Amino acid sequence: MGKNVYSSETKWAVVKAKMAGELTTNEIMEKYGIKNKSQIATWVR
């Protein structure tokens, strides 16, 4: 199983959407193709 590499632009877009409360975690995962909720939490931290 390979690692997914996300661009810095994607990471910033995810963090901004999450911090602003624009999208739920599940909506972010669907929109950006992120497979794991913990990945989003790590970026936000």
Protein backbone atom coordinates (compact mmCIF):
# COMPACT_ATOMS: atom_id res chain seq x y z
CA MET A 1 0.00 0.00 0.00
CA GLY A 2 1.52 3.33 -1.09
CA LYS A 3 1.40 6.62 0.68
CA ASN A 4 -0.81 9.43 -0.55
CA VAL A 5 1.06 12.66 -1.06
CA TYR A 6 -1.04 15.78 -0.76
CA SER A 7 0.09 19.15 -2.09
CA SER A 8 0.62 22.00 0.31
CA GLU A 9 -2.25 23.83 -1.42
CA THR A 10 -4.59 20.94 -0.62
CA LYS A 11 -3.43 20.83 2.99
CA TRP A 12 -3.99 24.58 3.47
CA ALA A 13 -7.42 24.42 1.81
CA VAL A 14 -8.42 21.57 4.13
CA VAL A 15 -7.16 23.36 7.26
CA LYS A 16 -8.90 26.62 6.30
CA ALA A 17 -12.19 24.84 5.57
CA LYS A 18 -12.03 22.94 8.85
CA MET A 19 -11.07 25.95 10.99
CA ALA A 20 -13.75 28.14 9.40
CA GLY A 21 -16.36 25.46 9.97
CA GLU A 22 -17.33 25.57 6.29
CA LEU A 23 -17.38 21.79 5.86
CA THR A 24 -17.66 18.77 8.10
CA THR A 25 -14.79 16.31 8.29
CA ASN A 26 -16.67 13.84 6.13
CA GLU A 27 -17.41 16.50 3.51
CA ILE A 28 -13.74 17.49 3.45
CA MET A 29 -12.70 13.85 3.05
CA GLU A 30 -15.08 13.42 0.12
CA LYS A 31 -14.19 16.72 -1.59
CA TYR A 32 -10.40 16.33 -1.36
CA GLY A 33 -10.16 12.54 -1.57
CA ILE A 34 -8.64 12.09 1.89
CA LYS A 35 -9.01 8.57 3.19
CA ASN A 36 -8.43 9.01 6.93
CA LYS A 37 -9.91 11.45 9.46
CA SER A 38 -6.71 11.48 11.49
CA GLN A 39 -4.85 13.02 8.54
CA ILE A 40 -7.06 16.09 8.75
CA ALA A 41 -6.61 16.33 12.52
CA THR A 42 -2.83 16.15 12.08
CA TRP A 43 -2.82 19.01 9.58
CA VAL A 44 -5.06 21.15 11.79
CA ARG A 45 -2.78 20.58 14.77
